Amino acid sequence: MKKQHISDAVIRRLPRYYRYLDELHSRGVVRISSSTLGKRMGVTASQIRQDLSCFGEFGQQGYGYNIMELRAEIGHILGVDEPRRLIVVGAGHLGHALIQNFDFSQGGFRLDTAFDISDKLAGTEINGVVIRSMDELDAYCALYHPAVAVLTVPKSAAQETAERLIELGVKGVWNFTNVELSADDRVSVENVHFADSLLTLSYRIAKTANGEKETP
């Protein structure tokens, strides 16, 4: 892999490439050109080639990309082939929904434990995932060293809980609390704001209603 700064925009496109390639692979498609892939994804062929060139040389001129090989390469770049342990902190409505419906294993993550402050939830299971008391968090992290925590606690507890997780050695936080967490360079934080996505959709609807075309 080339030693260079990779922009956040490129990094955020990689999962889309991986998802499309995974779909094509499951349908038995063997190879694809950058132009065909670009049309499917709504990006230019040159953008795809430029993005992939950040990580090495892929594909052959006149042949395109071998889907299985490119999928494997992008999966490796994303760390899918390096299983990491993940925990969910906060097993309320949102945490429950994620545990029940989201396939963390597709991203190379192993989820077998969640934590919640409620005594009623401790000792129960959701989709095979054991719910433990928050009192057990320190001991669990010391023993199993989870790499990522999915944070679905109330806003009021978000920063304090994140700081506790960082001190316990968690390297990444998938943050659903709608709070912009303060964190140092020991941890990577990915914030998920549902309202932002909905308002973006609202903007696009309003723009279309006014007869405006969105700039690619």
N, C-alpha and C. Protein backbone atom coordinates (compact mmCIF):
# COMPACT_ATOMS: atom_id res chain seq x y z
N MET A 1 0.83 -1.19 0.00
CA MET A 1 0.00 0.00 0.00
C MET A 1 0.88 1.25 0.00
N LYS A 2 0.48 2.24 -0.76
CA LYS A 2 1.27 3.45 -0.85
C LYS A 2 1.23 4.21 0.47
N LYS A 3 2.36 4.80 0.81
CA LYS A 3 2.44 5.61 2.02
C LYS A 3 2.10 7.05 1.66
N GLN A 4 0.84 7.43 1.81
CA GLN A 4 0.42 8.78 1.50
C GLN A 4 -0.83 9.08 2.31
N HIS A 5 -1.13 10.38 2.38
CA HIS A 5 -2.35 10.77 3.09
C HIS A 5 -3.55 10.43 2.23
N ILE A 6 -4.50 9.72 2.80
CA ILE A 6 -5.72 9.37 2.10
C ILE A 6 -6.84 10.26 2.62
N SER A 7 -7.50 10.96 1.72
CA SER A 7 -8.55 11.88 2.14
C SER A 7 -9.74 11.13 2.71
N ASP A 8 -10.49 11.82 3.58
CA ASP A 8 -11.67 11.22 4.20
C ASP A 8 -12.71 10.88 3.15
N ALA A 9 -12.79 11.69 2.09
CA ALA A 9 -13.77 11.44 1.02
C ALA A 9 -13.50 10.10 0.34
N VAL A 10 -12.23 9.80 0.10
CA VAL A 10 -11.86 8.52 -0.52
C VAL A 10 -12.21 7.37 0.42
N ILE A 11 -11.87 7.52 1.68
CA ILE A 11 -12.14 6.47 2.67
C ILE A 11 -13.63 6.17 2.75
N ARG A 12 -14.46 7.21 2.66
CA ARG A 12 -15.90 7.01 2.78
C ARG A 12 -16.50 6.39 1.53
N ARG A 13 -15.79 6.44 0.40
CA ARG A 13 -16.29 5.77 -0.80
C ARG A 13 -15.92 4.29 -0.83
N LEU A 14 -14.88 3.91 -0.11
CA LEU A 14 -14.43 2.51 -0.14
C LEU A 14 -15.52 1.51 0.27
N PRO A 15 -16.27 1.77 1.35
CA PRO A 15 -17.33 0.81 1.69
C PRO A 15 -18.38 0.67 0.59
N ARG A 16 -18.64 1.75 -0.14
CA ARG A 16 -19.59 1.65 -1.26
C ARG A 16 -19.02 0.76 -2.34
N TYR A 17 -17.76 0.91 -2.67
CA TYR A 17 -17.14 0.03 -3.67
C TYR A 17 -17.25 -1.42 -3.20
N TYR A 18 -16.93 -1.64 -1.95
CA TYR A 18 -16.95 -3.00 -1.42
C TYR A 18 -18.36 -3.59 -1.49
N ARG A 19 -19.35 -2.79 -1.14
CA ARG A 19 -20.74 -3.27 -1.15
C ARG A 19 -21.20 -3.63 -2.57
N TYR A 20 -20.89 -2.77 -3.54
CA TYR A 20 -21.28 -3.06 -4.92
C TYR A 20 -20.55 -4.28 -5.45
N LEU A 21 -19.27 -4.38 -5.16
CA LEU A 21 -18.49 -5.54 -5.63
C LEU A 21 -18.99 -6.82 -4.97
N ASP A 22 -19.36 -6.74 -3.70
CA ASP A 22 -19.88 -7.91 -3.00
C ASP A 22 -21.18 -8.38 -3.64
N GLU A 23 -22.03 -7.43 -4.01
CA GLU A 23 -23.29 -7.76 -4.67
C GLU A 23 -23.05 -8.42 -6.02
N LEU A 24 -22.13 -7.84 -6.80
CA LEU A 24 -21.80 -8.40 -8.12
C LEU A 24 -21.21 -9.80 -7.99
N HIS A 25 -20.32 -9.97 -6.98
CA HIS A 25 -19.70 -11.27 -6.76
C HIS A 25 -20.75 -12.33 -6.41
N SER A 26 -21.73 -11.94 -5.60
CA SER A 26 -22.77 -12.89 -5.20
C SER A 26 -23.65 -13.28 -6.38
N ARG A 27 -23.69 -12.43 -7.42
CA ARG A 27 -24.48 -12.72 -8.62
C ARG A 27 -23.67 -13.47 -9.67
N GLY A 28 -22.40 -13.74 -9.36
CA GLY A 28 -21.58 -14.52 -10.27
C GLY A 28 -20.87 -13.72 -11.34
N VAL A 29 -20.89 -12.38 -11.21
CA VAL A 29 -20.18 -11.54 -12.19
C VAL A 29 -18.69 -11.65 -11.93
N VAL A 30 -17.90 -11.83 -12.98
CA VAL A 30 -16.46 -12.10 -12.83
C VAL A 30 -15.63 -10.84 -12.94
N ARG A 31 -15.95 -9.97 -13.88
CA ARG A 31 -15.14 -8.76 -14.06
C ARG A 31 -16.03 -7.60 -14.45
N ILE A 32 -15.48 -6.40 -14.27
CA ILE A 32 -16.23 -5.19 -14.58
C ILE A 32 -15.26 -4.07 -14.89
N SER A 33 -15.66 -3.18 -15.77
CA SER A 33 -14.82 -2.03 -16.10
C SER A 33 -15.11 -0.89 -15.13
N SER A 34 -14.19 0.06 -15.05
CA SER A 34 -14.40 1.20 -14.16
C SER A 34 -15.58 2.04 -14.63
N SER A 35 -15.81 2.11 -15.94
CA SER A 35 -16.92 2.90 -16.46
C SER A 35 -18.27 2.27 -16.10
N THR A 36 -18.36 0.93 -16.19
CA THR A 36 -19.60 0.25 -15.83
C THR A 36 -19.86 0.35 -14.33
N LEU A 37 -18.81 0.16 -13.55
CA LEU A 37 -18.95 0.28 -12.10
C LEU A 37 -19.36 1.69 -11.72
N GLY A 38 -18.76 2.67 -12.39
CA GLY A 38 -19.08 4.06 -12.13
C GLY A 38 -20.53 4.40 -12.42
N LYS A 39 -21.06 3.86 -13.54
CA LYS A 39 -22.45 4.10 -13.89
C LYS A 39 -23.39 3.53 -12.84
N ARG A 40 -23.05 2.35 -12.33
CA ARG A 40 -23.87 1.72 -11.30
C ARG A 40 -23.88 2.55 -10.01
N MET A 41 -22.74 3.18 -9.70
CA MET A 41 -22.59 3.87 -8.43
C MET A 41 -22.85 5.37 -8.52
N GLY A 42 -22.96 5.88 -9.74
CA GLY A 42 -23.18 7.32 -9.89
C GLY A 42 -21.93 8.15 -9.70
N VAL A 43 -20.76 7.56 -10.00
CA VAL A 43 -19.49 8.31 -9.97
C VAL A 43 -18.78 8.09 -11.30
N THR A 44 -17.77 8.89 -11.57
CA THR A 44 -17.06 8.76 -12.84
C THR A 44 -16.03 7.64 -12.77
N ALA A 45 -15.71 7.11 -13.95
CA ALA A 45 -14.69 6.07 -14.02
C ALA A 45 -13.34 6.60 -13.53
N SER A 46 -13.05 7.86 -13.86
CA SER A 46 -11.77 8.44 -13.44
C SER A 46 -11.70 8.59 -11.92
N GLN A 47 -12.86 8.85 -11.29
CA GLN A 47 -12.89 8.95 -9.83
C GLN A 47 -12.56 7.61 -9.20
N ILE A 48 -13.12 6.54 -9.76
CA ILE A 48 -12.83 5.20 -9.24
C ILE A 48 -11.36 4.88 -9.39
N ARG A 49 -10.81 5.13 -10.57
CA ARG A 49 -9.40 4.83 -10.80
C ARG A 49 -8.51 5.66 -9.89
N GLN A 50 -8.87 6.92 -9.69
CA GLN A 50 -8.09 7.80 -8.83
C GLN A 50 -8.14 7.33 -7.38
N ASP A 51 -9.33 6.94 -6.92
CA ASP A 51 -9.48 6.46 -5.55
C ASP A 51 -8.64 5.21 -5.32
N LEU A 52 -8.75 4.25 -6.22
CA LEU A 52 -8.04 2.99 -6.04
C LEU A 52 -6.53 3.16 -6.16
N SER A 53 -6.10 4.15 -6.95
CA SER A 53 -4.67 4.37 -7.11
C SER A 53 -4.00 4.82 -5.81
N CYS A 54 -4.80 5.29 -4.86
CA CYS A 54 -4.25 5.69 -3.56
C CYS A 54 -3.70 4.48 -2.80
N PHE A 55 -4.13 3.28 -3.20
CA PHE A 55 -3.77 2.08 -2.45
C PHE A 55 -2.93 1.09 -3.25
N GLY A 56 -2.71 1.38 -4.52
CA GLY A 56 -1.91 0.46 -5.33
C GLY A 56 -2.42 0.40 -6.75
N GLU A 57 -1.97 -0.62 -7.48
CA GLU A 57 -2.37 -0.80 -8.87
C GLU A 57 -3.41 -1.91 -8.95
N PHE A 58 -4.57 -1.59 -9.52
CA PHE A 58 -5.64 -2.57 -9.64
C PHE A 58 -6.16 -2.58 -11.07
N GLY A 59 -6.55 -3.75 -11.54
CA GLY A 59 -7.15 -3.86 -12.86
C GLY A 59 -6.14 -3.81 -13.98
N GLN A 60 -6.62 -4.12 -15.18
CA GLN A 60 -5.77 -4.11 -16.39
C GLN A 60 -6.51 -3.36 -17.48
N GLN A 61 -5.79 -2.53 -18.20
CA GLN A 61 -6.39 -1.78 -19.29
C GLN A 61 -6.94 -2.74 -20.34
N GLY A 62 -8.19 -2.52 -20.73
CA GLY A 62 -8.82 -3.38 -21.71
C GLY A 62 -9.48 -4.61 -21.10
N TYR A 63 -9.23 -4.87 -19.85
CA TYR A 63 -9.82 -6.03 -19.17
C TYR A 63 -10.74 -5.60 -18.03
N GLY A 64 -10.37 -4.54 -17.35
CA GLY A 64 -11.15 -4.09 -16.21
C GLY A 64 -10.68 -4.72 -14.91
N TYR A 65 -11.60 -4.86 -13.98
CA TYR A 65 -11.26 -5.38 -12.66
C TYR A 65 -11.82 -6.79 -12.48
N ASN A 66 -11.00 -7.66 -11.93
CA ASN A 66 -11.50 -8.95 -11.47
C ASN A 66 -12.25 -8.69 -10.17
N ILE A 67 -13.54 -8.94 -10.17
CA ILE A 67 -14.39 -8.55 -9.05
C ILE A 67 -14.00 -9.25 -7.76
N MET A 68 -13.73 -10.55 -7.81
CA MET A 68 -13.37 -11.27 -6.60
C MET A 68 -12.06 -10.73 -6.02
N GLU A 69 -11.08 -10.46 -6.89
CA GLU A 69 -9.79 -9.98 -6.41
C GLU A 69 -9.90 -8.56 -5.86
N LEU A 70 -10.62 -7.68 -6.57
CA LEU A 70 -10.75 -6.29 -6.10
C LEU A 70 -11.56 -6.24 -4.81
N ARG A 71 -12.59 -7.05 -4.72
CA ARG A 71 -13.38 -7.13 -3.49
C ARG A 71 -12.50 -7.53 -2.32
N ALA A 72 -11.65 -8.53 -2.53
CA ALA A 72 -10.75 -9.00 -1.47
C ALA A 72 -9.75 -7.92 -1.09
N GLU A 73 -9.23 -7.19 -2.08
CA GLU A 73 -8.24 -6.14 -1.80
C GLU A 73 -8.87 -5.00 -0.99
N ILE A 74 -10.07 -4.57 -1.40
CA ILE A 74 -10.73 -3.48 -0.69
C ILE A 74 -11.14 -3.95 0.71
N GLY A 75 -11.58 -5.20 0.82
CA GLY A 75 -11.91 -5.76 2.13
C GLY A 75 -10.71 -5.74 3.05
N HIS A 76 -9.54 -6.06 2.49
CA HIS A 76 -8.30 -6.03 3.28
C HIS A 76 -7.98 -4.60 3.73
N ILE A 77 -8.14 -3.65 2.81
CA ILE A 77 -7.89 -2.24 3.15
C ILE A 77 -8.81 -1.78 4.27
N LEU A 78 -10.07 -2.23 4.21
CA LEU A 78 -11.06 -1.85 5.22
C LEU A 78 -10.93 -2.65 6.52
N GLY A 79 -10.10 -3.69 6.49
CA GLY A 79 -9.90 -4.48 7.69
C GLY A 79 -10.94 -5.56 7.91
N VAL A 80 -11.72 -5.87 6.86
CA VAL A 80 -12.77 -6.88 7.00
C VAL A 80 -12.20 -8.26 7.30
N ASP A 81 -11.00 -8.51 6.79
CA ASP A 81 -10.38 -9.83 6.98
C ASP A 81 -9.58 -9.92 8.27
N GLU A 82 -9.71 -8.92 9.14
CA GLU A 82 -9.04 -8.93 10.44
C GLU A 82 -10.11 -8.82 11.52
N PRO A 83 -10.70 -9.94 11.93
CA PRO A 83 -11.82 -9.91 12.89
C PRO A 83 -11.49 -9.12 14.15
N ARG A 84 -12.41 -8.25 14.54
CA ARG A 84 -12.24 -7.45 15.75
C ARG A 84 -13.45 -7.64 16.65
N ARG A 85 -13.21 -7.66 17.94
CA ARG A 85 -14.32 -7.79 18.90
C ARG A 85 -14.98 -6.43 19.08
N LEU A 86 -16.30 -6.43 19.14
CA LEU A 86 -17.11 -5.22 19.26
C LEU A 86 -18.13 -5.42 20.37
N ILE A 87 -18.40 -4.35 21.10
CA ILE A 87 -19.43 -4.39 22.13
C ILE A 87 -20.43 -3.26 21.89
N VAL A 88 -21.65 -3.46 22.37
CA VAL A 88 -22.67 -2.42 22.33
C VAL A 88 -22.87 -1.91 23.74
N VAL A 89 -22.79 -0.62 23.92
CA VAL A 89 -22.98 -0.02 25.24
C VAL A 89 -24.26 0.81 25.21
N GLY A 90 -25.28 0.25 25.85
CA GLY A 90 -26.62 0.82 25.80
C GLY A 90 -27.53 -0.10 25.02
N ALA A 91 -28.30 -0.93 25.72
CA ALA A 91 -29.15 -1.92 25.04
C ALA A 91 -30.62 -1.54 25.10
N GLY A 92 -30.89 -0.24 25.04
CA GLY A 92 -32.27 0.24 24.98
C GLY A 92 -32.86 0.02 23.60
N HIS A 93 -33.79 0.88 23.21
CA HIS A 93 -34.50 0.69 21.94
C HIS A 93 -33.55 0.65 20.74
N LEU A 94 -32.67 1.65 20.63
CA LEU A 94 -31.77 1.70 19.48
C LEU A 94 -30.73 0.59 19.54
N GLY A 95 -30.13 0.42 20.72
CA GLY A 95 -29.14 -0.65 20.86
C GLY A 95 -29.74 -2.00 20.56
N HIS A 96 -30.96 -2.23 21.06
CA HIS A 96 -31.67 -3.48 20.81
C HIS A 96 -31.88 -3.68 19.31
N ALA A 97 -32.31 -2.63 18.62
CA ALA A 97 -32.58 -2.73 17.18
C ALA A 97 -31.31 -3.06 16.40
N LEU A 98 -30.20 -2.44 16.77
CA LEU A 98 -28.94 -2.72 16.08
C LEU A 98 -28.49 -4.16 16.31
N ILE A 99 -28.58 -4.61 17.56
CA ILE A 99 -28.17 -5.98 17.87
C ILE A 99 -29.06 -6.98 17.13
N GLN A 100 -30.34 -6.68 17.06
CA GLN A 100 -31.29 -7.60 16.45
C GLN A 100 -31.17 -7.65 14.93
N ASN A 101 -30.85 -6.51 14.31
CA ASN A 101 -30.99 -6.43 12.86
C ASN A 101 -29.71 -6.17 12.07
N PHE A 102 -28.67 -5.67 12.71
CA PHE A 102 -27.46 -5.31 11.96
C PHE A 102 -26.46 -6.46 11.99
N ASP A 103 -25.96 -6.83 10.81
CA ASP A 103 -25.01 -7.94 10.71
C ASP A 103 -23.59 -7.39 10.84
N PHE A 104 -23.09 -7.32 12.07
CA PHE A 104 -21.76 -6.79 12.32
C PHE A 104 -20.67 -7.67 11.71
N SER A 105 -20.95 -8.94 11.54
CA SER A 105 -19.94 -9.86 11.01
C SER A 105 -19.55 -9.52 9.58
N GLN A 106 -20.44 -8.88 8.83
CA GLN A 106 -20.11 -8.49 7.45
C GLN A 106 -18.96 -7.49 7.41
N GLY A 107 -18.81 -6.74 8.49
CA GLY A 107 -17.71 -5.78 8.57
C GLY A 107 -16.49 -6.34 9.29
N GLY A 108 -16.53 -7.64 9.57
CA GLY A 108 -15.40 -8.28 10.24
C GLY A 108 -15.42 -8.13 11.75
N PHE A 109 -16.59 -7.81 12.32
CA PHE A 109 -16.67 -7.61 13.76
C PHE A 109 -17.39 -8.77 14.44
N ARG A 110 -16.92 -9.10 15.63
CA ARG A 110 -17.54 -10.15 16.43
C ARG A 110 -18.25 -9.50 17.60
N LEU A 111 -19.56 -9.65 17.64
CA LEU A 111 -20.38 -9.12 18.74
C LEU A 111 -21.00 -10.27 19.51
N ASP A 112 -20.65 -10.37 20.78
CA ASP A 112 -21.29 -11.39 21.62
C ASP A 112 -21.76 -10.82 22.95
N THR A 113 -21.45 -9.54 23.21
CA THR A 113 -21.79 -8.96 24.50
C THR A 113 -22.21 -7.50 24.35
N ALA A 114 -23.23 -7.11 25.13
CA ALA A 114 -23.65 -5.71 25.22
C ALA A 114 -23.78 -5.36 26.70
N PHE A 115 -23.79 -4.07 26.97
CA PHE A 115 -23.85 -3.61 28.36
C PHE A 115 -24.97 -2.58 28.52
N ASP A 116 -25.61 -2.62 29.68
CA ASP A 116 -26.67 -1.66 29.96
C ASP A 116 -26.75 -1.41 31.46
N ILE A 117 -27.22 -0.23 31.81
CA ILE A 117 -27.31 0.15 33.22
C ILE A 117 -28.51 -0.49 33.91
N SER A 118 -29.47 -0.98 33.12
CA SER A 118 -30.70 -1.55 33.68
C SER A 118 -30.47 -2.94 34.27
N ASP A 119 -30.85 -3.11 35.52
CA ASP A 119 -30.74 -4.42 36.16
C ASP A 119 -31.68 -5.44 35.51
N LYS A 120 -32.79 -4.94 34.93
CA LYS A 120 -33.76 -5.84 34.30
C LYS A 120 -33.20 -6.49 33.04
N LEU A 121 -32.28 -5.80 32.36
CA LEU A 121 -31.71 -6.33 31.12
C LEU A 121 -30.53 -7.26 31.37
N ALA A 122 -29.83 -7.03 32.47
CA ALA A 122 -28.63 -7.83 32.77
C ALA A 122 -28.98 -9.31 32.85
N GLY A 123 -28.23 -10.12 32.11
CA GLY A 123 -28.45 -11.55 32.11
C GLY A 123 -29.38 -12.04 31.01
N THR A 124 -30.01 -11.10 30.29
CA THR A 124 -30.88 -11.49 29.18
C THR A 124 -30.06 -11.57 27.89
N GLU A 125 -30.70 -11.99 26.81
CA GLU A 125 -30.03 -12.08 25.52
C GLU A 125 -30.88 -11.42 24.43
N ILE A 126 -30.20 -10.85 23.45
CA ILE A 126 -30.84 -10.32 22.25
C ILE A 126 -30.13 -10.94 21.06
N ASN A 127 -30.85 -11.74 20.31
CA ASN A 127 -30.27 -12.36 19.11
C ASN A 127 -28.96 -13.10 19.41
N GLY A 128 -28.93 -13.74 20.57
CA GLY A 128 -27.74 -14.50 20.96
C GLY A 128 -26.66 -13.68 21.63
N VAL A 129 -26.87 -12.38 21.77
CA VAL A 129 -25.90 -11.49 22.40
C VAL A 129 -26.26 -11.31 23.87
N VAL A 130 -25.33 -11.61 24.75
CA VAL A 130 -25.57 -11.52 26.20
C VAL A 130 -25.52 -10.06 26.65
N ILE A 131 -26.51 -9.65 27.45
CA ILE A 131 -26.52 -8.31 28.02
C ILE A 131 -25.96 -8.37 29.43
N ARG A 132 -24.95 -7.57 29.69
CA ARG A 132 -24.30 -7.56 31.00
C ARG A 132 -24.52 -6.20 31.68
N SER A 133 -24.34 -6.20 32.98
CA SER A 133 -24.41 -4.96 33.74
C SER A 133 -23.19 -4.09 33.44
N MET A 134 -23.37 -2.78 33.51
CA MET A 134 -22.24 -1.86 33.31
C MET A 134 -21.15 -2.09 34.35
N ASP A 135 -21.52 -2.68 35.47
CA ASP A 135 -20.52 -2.97 36.51
C ASP A 135 -19.49 -4.00 36.04
N GLU A 136 -19.83 -4.75 34.99
CA GLU A 136 -18.93 -5.78 34.47
C GLU A 136 -18.04 -5.28 33.34
N LEU A 137 -18.24 -4.01 32.93
CA LEU A 137 -17.54 -3.49 31.75
C LEU A 137 -16.03 -3.51 31.91
N ASP A 138 -15.53 -3.04 33.03
CA ASP A 138 -14.08 -2.97 33.22
C ASP A 138 -13.43 -4.35 33.15
N ALA A 139 -14.02 -5.30 33.85
CA ALA A 139 -13.45 -6.65 33.87
C ALA A 139 -13.50 -7.29 32.49
N TYR A 140 -14.60 -7.07 31.77
CA TYR A 140 -14.75 -7.64 30.43
C TYR A 140 -13.68 -7.07 29.48
N CYS A 141 -13.51 -5.75 29.51
CA CYS A 141 -12.52 -5.11 28.63
C CYS A 141 -11.10 -5.57 28.96
N ALA A 142 -10.81 -5.76 30.23
CA ALA A 142 -9.48 -6.22 30.64
C ALA A 142 -9.21 -7.63 30.14
N LEU A 143 -10.26 -8.43 30.03
CA LEU A 143 -10.10 -9.83 29.62
C LEU A 143 -10.14 -10.00 28.11
N TYR A 144 -11.06 -9.28 27.43
CA TYR A 144 -11.30 -9.53 26.00
C TYR A 144 -10.80 -8.42 25.06
N HIS A 145 -10.49 -7.26 25.58
CA HIS A 145 -9.92 -6.15 24.80
C HIS A 145 -10.73 -5.83 23.53
N PRO A 146 -12.00 -5.46 23.67
CA PRO A 146 -12.79 -5.11 22.48
C PRO A 146 -12.18 -3.90 21.77
N ALA A 147 -12.18 -3.94 20.44
CA ALA A 147 -11.59 -2.85 19.67
C ALA A 147 -12.56 -1.70 19.46
N VAL A 148 -13.85 -2.03 19.36
CA VAL A 148 -14.85 -1.02 19.01
C VAL A 148 -16.03 -1.10 19.97
N ALA A 149 -16.58 0.07 20.30
CA ALA A 149 -17.81 0.14 21.09
C ALA A 149 -18.86 0.90 20.31
N VAL A 150 -20.04 0.32 20.22
CA VAL A 150 -21.20 1.01 19.65
C VAL A 150 -21.89 1.72 20.80
N LEU A 151 -21.94 3.04 20.72
CA LEU A 151 -22.43 3.83 21.85
C LEU A 151 -23.86 4.28 21.58
N THR A 152 -24.81 3.73 22.36
CA THR A 152 -26.22 4.08 22.20
C THR A 152 -26.84 4.45 23.55
N VAL A 153 -26.05 5.12 24.37
CA VAL A 153 -26.53 5.56 25.68
C VAL A 153 -27.22 6.92 25.54
N PRO A 154 -27.96 7.38 26.57
CA PRO A 154 -28.56 8.72 26.53
C PRO A 154 -27.50 9.82 26.38
N LYS A 155 -27.90 10.95 25.84
CA LYS A 155 -26.98 12.07 25.63
C LYS A 155 -26.23 12.45 26.91
N SER A 156 -26.96 12.45 28.01
CA SER A 156 -26.37 12.90 29.28
C SER A 156 -25.21 12.04 29.73
N ALA A 157 -25.16 10.79 29.24
CA ALA A 157 -24.10 9.87 29.67
C ALA A 157 -23.05 9.65 28.58
N ALA A 158 -23.22 10.29 27.43
CA ALA A 158 -22.39 9.99 26.27
C ALA A 158 -20.90 10.26 26.49
N GLN A 159 -20.54 11.48 26.89
CA GLN A 159 -19.13 11.84 27.02
C GLN A 159 -18.45 11.04 28.12
N GLU A 160 -19.11 10.92 29.25
CA GLU A 160 -18.53 10.18 30.38
C GLU A 160 -18.29 8.71 30.01
N THR A 161 -19.27 8.12 29.32
CA THR A 161 -19.13 6.72 28.92
C THR A 161 -18.03 6.55 27.89
N ALA A 162 -17.94 7.48 26.95
CA ALA A 162 -16.89 7.40 25.93
C ALA A 162 -15.51 7.50 26.57
N GLU A 163 -15.36 8.40 27.53
CA GLU A 163 -14.07 8.55 28.21
C GLU A 163 -13.70 7.27 28.97
N ARG A 164 -14.69 6.66 29.57
CA ARG A 164 -14.45 5.40 30.29
C ARG A 164 -14.00 4.31 29.33
N LEU A 165 -14.64 4.22 28.18
CA LEU A 165 -14.28 3.22 27.18
C LEU A 165 -12.87 3.43 26.65
N ILE A 166 -12.52 4.69 26.44
CA ILE A 166 -11.17 5.01 25.95
C ILE A 166 -10.12 4.59 26.97
N GLU A 167 -10.38 4.88 28.23
CA GLU A 167 -9.44 4.48 29.29
C GLU A 167 -9.32 2.96 29.38
N LEU A 168 -10.38 2.26 28.98
CA LEU A 168 -10.37 0.79 29.02
C LEU A 168 -9.72 0.19 27.78
N GLY A 169 -9.28 1.04 26.85
CA GLY A 169 -8.52 0.56 25.70
C GLY A 169 -9.28 0.41 24.40
N VAL A 170 -10.55 0.82 24.37
CA VAL A 170 -11.31 0.77 23.13
C VAL A 170 -10.68 1.73 22.12
N LYS A 171 -10.52 1.27 20.87
CA LYS A 171 -9.83 2.06 19.85
C LYS A 171 -10.77 2.82 18.92
N GLY A 172 -12.04 2.41 18.89
CA GLY A 172 -13.00 3.07 18.01
C GLY A 172 -14.37 3.13 18.64
N VAL A 173 -15.09 4.24 18.40
CA VAL A 173 -16.44 4.40 18.94
C VAL A 173 -17.38 4.74 17.79
N TRP A 174 -18.40 3.90 17.61
CA TRP A 174 -19.48 4.18 16.65
C TRP A 174 -20.57 4.86 17.45
N ASN A 175 -20.69 6.16 17.29
CA ASN A 175 -21.45 7.00 18.22
C ASN A 175 -22.83 7.35 17.67
N PHE A 176 -23.87 6.84 18.33
CA PHE A 176 -25.25 7.11 17.95
C PHE A 176 -25.95 8.04 18.93
N THR A 177 -25.22 8.75 19.76
CA THR A 177 -25.84 9.51 20.85
C THR A 177 -26.29 10.92 20.45
N ASN A 178 -25.96 11.35 19.24
CA ASN A 178 -26.25 12.73 18.80
C ASN A 178 -25.50 13.77 19.62
N VAL A 179 -24.38 13.36 20.20
CA VAL A 179 -23.48 14.26 20.91
C VAL A 179 -22.12 14.20 20.21
N GLU A 180 -21.54 15.36 19.93
CA GLU A 180 -20.21 15.40 19.34
C GLU A 180 -19.20 15.13 20.46
N LEU A 181 -18.64 13.95 20.44
CA LEU A 181 -17.74 13.55 21.52
C LEU A 181 -16.38 14.23 21.41
N SER A 182 -15.82 14.55 22.56
CA SER A 182 -14.44 15.04 22.62
C SER A 182 -13.54 13.86 22.88
N ALA A 183 -12.60 13.60 21.98
CA ALA A 183 -11.71 12.45 22.13
C ALA A 183 -10.33 12.80 21.60
N ASP A 184 -9.31 12.17 22.18
CA ASP A 184 -7.95 12.43 21.73
C ASP A 184 -7.57 11.44 20.64
N ASP A 185 -6.30 11.46 20.24
CA ASP A 185 -5.86 10.63 19.12
C ASP A 185 -5.71 9.16 19.48
N ARG A 186 -6.09 8.79 20.70
CA ARG A 186 -6.05 7.37 21.06
C ARG A 186 -7.21 6.60 20.45
N VAL A 187 -8.23 7.30 20.01
CA VAL A 187 -9.46 6.63 19.56
C VAL A 187 -10.01 7.32 18.31
N SER A 188 -10.63 6.51 17.45
CA SER A 188 -11.34 7.04 16.28
C SER A 188 -12.83 7.04 16.59
N VAL A 189 -13.50 8.14 16.26
CA VAL A 189 -14.93 8.26 16.53
C VAL A 189 -15.66 8.47 15.21
N GLU A 190 -16.67 7.67 14.98
CA GLU A 190 -17.54 7.83 13.81
C GLU A 190 -18.93 8.20 14.33
N ASN A 191 -19.34 9.45 14.07
CA ASN A 191 -20.62 9.94 14.55
C ASN A 191 -21.73 9.65 13.55
N VAL A 192 -22.83 9.11 14.04
CA VAL A 192 -24.00 8.85 13.20
C VAL A 192 -25.12 9.76 13.66
N HIS A 193 -25.55 10.68 12.78
CA HIS A 193 -26.63 11.60 13.10
C HIS A 193 -27.79 11.34 12.15
N PHE A 194 -28.82 10.66 12.62
CA PHE A 194 -29.96 10.36 11.78
C PHE A 194 -30.64 11.64 11.28
N ALA A 195 -30.70 12.65 12.13
CA ALA A 195 -31.37 13.90 11.75
C ALA A 195 -30.66 14.57 10.59
N ASP A 196 -29.32 14.50 10.55
CA ASP A 196 -28.57 15.10 9.45
C ASP A 196 -28.95 14.45 8.12
N SER A 197 -29.06 13.13 8.13
CA SER A 197 -29.42 12.40 6.92
C SER A 197 -30.83 12.76 6.47
N LEU A 198 -31.75 12.86 7.42
CA LEU A 198 -33.13 13.20 7.09
C LEU A 198 -33.23 14.62 6.55
N LEU A 199 -32.48 15.56 7.14
CA LEU A 199 -32.51 16.94 6.67
C LEU A 199 -31.87 17.07 5.29
N THR A 200 -30.86 16.25 5.02
CA THR A 200 -30.28 16.22 3.68
C THR A 200 -31.31 15.78 2.66
N LEU A 201 -32.07 14.75 3.02
CA LEU A 201 -33.15 14.29 2.16
C LEU A 201 -34.20 15.38 1.96
N SER A 202 -34.53 16.10 3.04
CA SER A 202 -35.49 17.19 2.97
C SER A 202 -35.02 18.27 2.00
N TYR A 203 -33.73 18.60 2.06
CA TYR A 203 -33.16 19.60 1.16
C TYR A 203 -33.31 19.18 -0.30
N ARG A 204 -32.99 17.90 -0.57
CA ARG A 204 -33.05 17.41 -1.94
C ARG A 204 -34.48 17.41 -2.48
N ILE A 205 -35.43 17.05 -1.60
CA ILE A 205 -36.83 17.07 -2.01
C ILE A 205 -37.27 18.49 -2.35
N ALA A 206 -36.88 19.44 -1.47
CA ALA A 206 -37.24 20.84 -1.69
C ALA A 206 -36.62 21.37 -2.98
N LYS A 207 -35.38 20.97 -3.24
CA LYS A 207 -34.69 21.44 -4.43
C LYS A 207 -35.36 20.90 -5.68
N THR A 208 -35.76 19.63 -5.65
CA THR A 208 -36.44 19.03 -6.78
C THR A 208 -37.80 19.68 -7.01
N ALA A 209 -38.50 19.99 -5.92
CA ALA A 209 -39.81 20.62 -6.02
C ALA A 209 -39.72 22.00 -6.66
N ASN A 210 -38.57 22.66 -6.48
CA ASN A 210 -38.36 24.00 -7.05
C ASN A 210 -37.80 23.94 -8.47
N GLY A 211 -37.68 22.72 -9.01
CA GLY A 211 -37.20 22.57 -10.37
C GLY A 211 -35.71 22.71 -10.53
N GLU A 212 -34.96 22.62 -9.44
CA GLU A 212 -33.51 22.73 -9.51
C GLU A 212 -32.89 21.36 -9.67
N LYS A 213 -31.75 21.31 -10.32
CA LYS A 213 -31.02 20.07 -10.47
C LYS A 213 -29.81 20.07 -9.56
N GLU A 214 -29.59 18.94 -8.92
CA GLU A 214 -28.47 18.85 -7.98
C GLU A 214 -27.18 18.66 -8.74
N THR A 215 -26.15 19.42 -8.34
CA THR A 215 -24.84 19.30 -8.97
C THR A 215 -24.15 18.04 -8.48
N PRO A 216 -23.64 17.18 -9.40
CA PRO A 216 -22.98 15.95 -8.97
C PRO A 216 -21.80 16.25 -8.07
